[in-house]
Structure formats: C-alpha cells, structure tokens
Amino acid sequence: MALGVSLHDQAVASAGTRALIALDSAVPPLLTRDELRNRAGITGRYLTDLVEREVLIEIPPFWTTPDRAKAWVATVTATISSTPSGVTTSGLRKALGLSRRYTLALLEWCDSQGITVRNDNLRRLI
C-alpha cells in the first residue's frame, strides 16, 4: 500500500480507471448502473465515491465523465443560442449526434441543472 493512501482510496482509484476504460469503449460514452457493473465491476458504493471525486457525473439513468457532459452542454447551448426561439429535441439530437434515448436524458438533466427549460416542444436557455 502506498504511504498515506488507504485501501479504500486505492480501490476507488482502480474503480475509476475501470469506469473510464468502459466509457471509452462505449458508443456513446454513457453507461447505466448495470452496464458499469457488468463492464467494469463498479458497484453503487464506488459510483458514489467516483461522483464525489468528479471522476463520473450522473445524467440519470446514465453515468459519463464530466468532460463529456461539458462538451454536450456546450453543443446544446451553442445550438440553442443560434436559434433564440428555441430548438426541438430532434434538432438537438441531430446536433449532439445521439439517439433520442440519450438526448432526452441529457436534456432533462440540462433542465434540472437550470441550463435549459422546455416550453411546449422547444428548449430554450435559461
């Protein structure tokens, strides 16, 4: 054991490495709790630790990296900024290059984070 590093910290670091490898091989890099468990052996206990350490971010029901989430948010904000009246889910799906399943999860998360708001069938920036 490295000096000053607990076994738990080492296990969390190892879990983080396995999670990042699993996400790197996923297309798109969004995985559910079950997929992280099956692909990387990550359990709920480690998910909590990895979110607290900002290795992963939850976009329910998926997990991804904070950098990937920031890139998607940048695409969402740029796309909506270019159309002040708002953008449909379909328009954002095309801009993001994601399926509807992943786009809806991301947009609902953006709404919950106060980045966007849904009015009828359009999303606008807050």
Protein backbone atom coordinates (compact mmCIF):
# COMPACT_ATOMS: atom_id res chain seq x y z
CA MET A 1 0.00 0.00 0.00
CA ALA A 2 1.30 3.45 -0.88
CA LEU A 3 2.21 5.63 2.07
CA GLY A 4 -0.83 7.63 3.24
CA VAL A 5 -3.24 6.04 0.76
CA SER A 6 -5.93 3.82 2.23
CA LEU A 7 -7.04 0.55 0.69
CA HIS A 8 -10.41 2.16 0.04
CA ASP A 9 -8.78 5.06 -1.84
CA GLN A 10 -6.80 2.57 -3.92
CA ALA A 11 -9.97 0.60 -4.67
CA VAL A 12 -11.81 3.79 -5.70
CA ALA A 13 -8.90 4.80 -7.96
CA SER A 14 -8.96 1.36 -9.55
CA ALA A 15 -12.74 1.57 -10.00
CA GLY A 16 -12.31 4.97 -11.63
CA THR A 17 -9.78 3.60 -14.09
CA ARG A 18 -12.07 0.68 -14.96
CA ALA A 19 -15.04 3.05 -15.38
CA LEU A 20 -13.10 5.33 -17.71
CA ILE A 21 -11.95 2.38 -19.80
CA ALA A 22 -15.54 1.12 -20.03
CA LEU A 23 -16.79 4.58 -21.04
CA ASP A 24 -14.02 4.95 -23.64
CA SER A 25 -15.24 1.77 -25.34
CA ALA A 26 -18.94 2.71 -25.16
CA VAL A 27 -20.67 4.44 -28.04
CA PRO A 28 -21.90 6.90 -26.94
CA PRO A 29 -19.90 7.20 -23.71
CA LEU A 30 -22.95 6.90 -21.46
CA LEU A 31 -23.48 3.79 -19.33
CA THR A 32 -26.21 2.73 -16.93
CA ARG A 33 -25.52 1.43 -13.43
CA ASP A 34 -25.95 -2.15 -14.68
CA GLU A 35 -23.63 -1.56 -17.63
CA LEU A 36 -20.93 -0.12 -15.35
CA ARG A 37 -21.31 -3.11 -13.04
CA ASN A 38 -21.17 -5.61 -15.91
CA ARG A 39 -18.38 -3.95 -17.92
CA ALA A 40 -16.21 -2.59 -15.12
CA GLY A 41 -17.29 -4.23 -11.88
CA ILE A 42 -18.42 -0.89 -10.44
CA THR A 43 -20.98 -1.13 -7.64
CA GLY A 44 -23.16 1.59 -6.11
CA ARG A 45 -20.71 2.26 -3.30
CA TYR A 46 -17.97 3.14 -5.77
CA LEU A 47 -20.30 5.12 -8.02
CA THR A 48 -20.99 7.48 -5.13
CA ASP A 49 -17.27 7.88 -4.45
CA LEU A 50 -16.48 8.44 -8.13
CA VAL A 51 -19.16 11.15 -8.41
CA GLU A 52 -17.87 12.83 -5.24
CA ARG A 53 -14.34 12.79 -6.69
CA GLU A 54 -15.65 14.18 -10.01
CA VAL A 55 -14.46 11.18 -12.00
CA LEU A 56 -18.04 10.47 -13.11
CA ILE A 57 -21.20 12.52 -13.39
CA GLU A 58 -24.73 11.14 -13.32
CA ILE A 59 -27.12 12.07 -16.09
CA PRO A 60 -29.96 9.80 -14.97
CA PRO A 61 -30.16 6.94 -15.71
CA PHE A 62 -26.63 7.15 -17.15
CA TRP A 63 -23.12 7.97 -15.99
CA THR A 64 -20.39 9.64 -18.04
CA THR A 65 -17.33 11.81 -17.50
CA PRO A 66 -17.63 15.48 -16.52
CA ASP A 67 -15.63 16.46 -19.62
CA ARG A 68 -18.05 14.62 -21.92
CA ALA A 69 -21.03 16.22 -20.15
CA LYS A 70 -19.45 19.68 -20.54
CA ALA A 71 -18.91 19.06 -24.25
CA TRP A 72 -22.55 18.04 -24.72
CA VAL A 73 -23.75 21.07 -22.73
CA ALA A 74 -21.58 23.30 -24.93
CA THR A 75 -23.23 21.81 -28.02
CA VAL A 76 -26.70 22.27 -26.53
CA THR A 77 -26.05 25.90 -25.56
CA ALA A 78 -24.43 26.75 -28.90
CA THR A 79 -27.28 25.16 -30.83
CA ILE A 80 -29.97 26.92 -28.82
CA SER A 81 -28.06 30.24 -28.90
CA SER A 82 -28.15 30.17 -32.68
CA THR A 83 -31.96 29.85 -32.59
CA PRO A 84 -33.30 32.15 -29.84
CA SER A 85 -36.89 30.98 -30.36
CA GLY A 86 -35.84 27.52 -29.17
CA VAL A 87 -34.84 24.19 -30.61
CA THR A 88 -36.75 20.92 -30.81
CA THR A 89 -35.49 17.71 -29.28
CA SER A 90 -34.98 16.43 -32.82
CA GLY A 91 -32.81 19.43 -33.70
CA LEU A 92 -30.71 18.95 -30.57
CA ARG A 93 -30.47 15.20 -31.19
CA LYS A 94 -29.00 15.91 -34.63
CA ALA A 95 -26.57 18.49 -33.24
CA LEU A 96 -25.43 16.11 -30.49
CA GLY A 97 -25.22 13.05 -32.73
CA LEU A 98 -27.02 10.97 -30.09
CA SER A 99 -30.05 8.74 -30.25
CA ARG A 100 -33.34 10.03 -28.86
CA ARG A 101 -32.90 7.90 -25.71
CA TYR A 102 -29.63 9.59 -24.76
CA THR A 103 -30.70 13.04 -25.96
CA LEU A 104 -33.82 13.02 -23.77
CA ALA A 105 -31.81 12.02 -20.69
CA LEU A 106 -29.26 14.77 -21.37
CA LEU A 107 -31.91 17.43 -22.00
CA GLU A 108 -33.87 16.50 -18.87
CA TRP A 109 -30.61 16.76 -16.93
CA CYS A 110 -29.91 20.18 -18.51
CA ASP A 111 -33.39 21.27 -17.40
CA SER A 112 -32.74 20.02 -13.85
CA GLN A 113 -29.39 21.88 -13.74
CA GLY A 114 -31.00 25.18 -14.76
CA ILE A 115 -29.25 25.28 -18.13
CA THR A 116 -32.33 24.87 -20.32
CA VAL A 117 -36.09 24.99 -19.99
CA ARG A 118 -38.68 23.14 -22.02
CA ASN A 119 -41.62 25.14 -23.36
CA ASP A 120 -44.04 23.00 -25.37
CA ASN A 121 -41.82 21.15 -27.82
CA LEU A 122 -38.92 23.64 -27.74
CA ARG A 123 -35.92 24.01 -25.43
CA ARG A 124 -34.54 27.43 -24.60
CA LEU A 125 -31.62 28.61 -22.49
CA ILE A 126 -32.41 29.97 -19.05
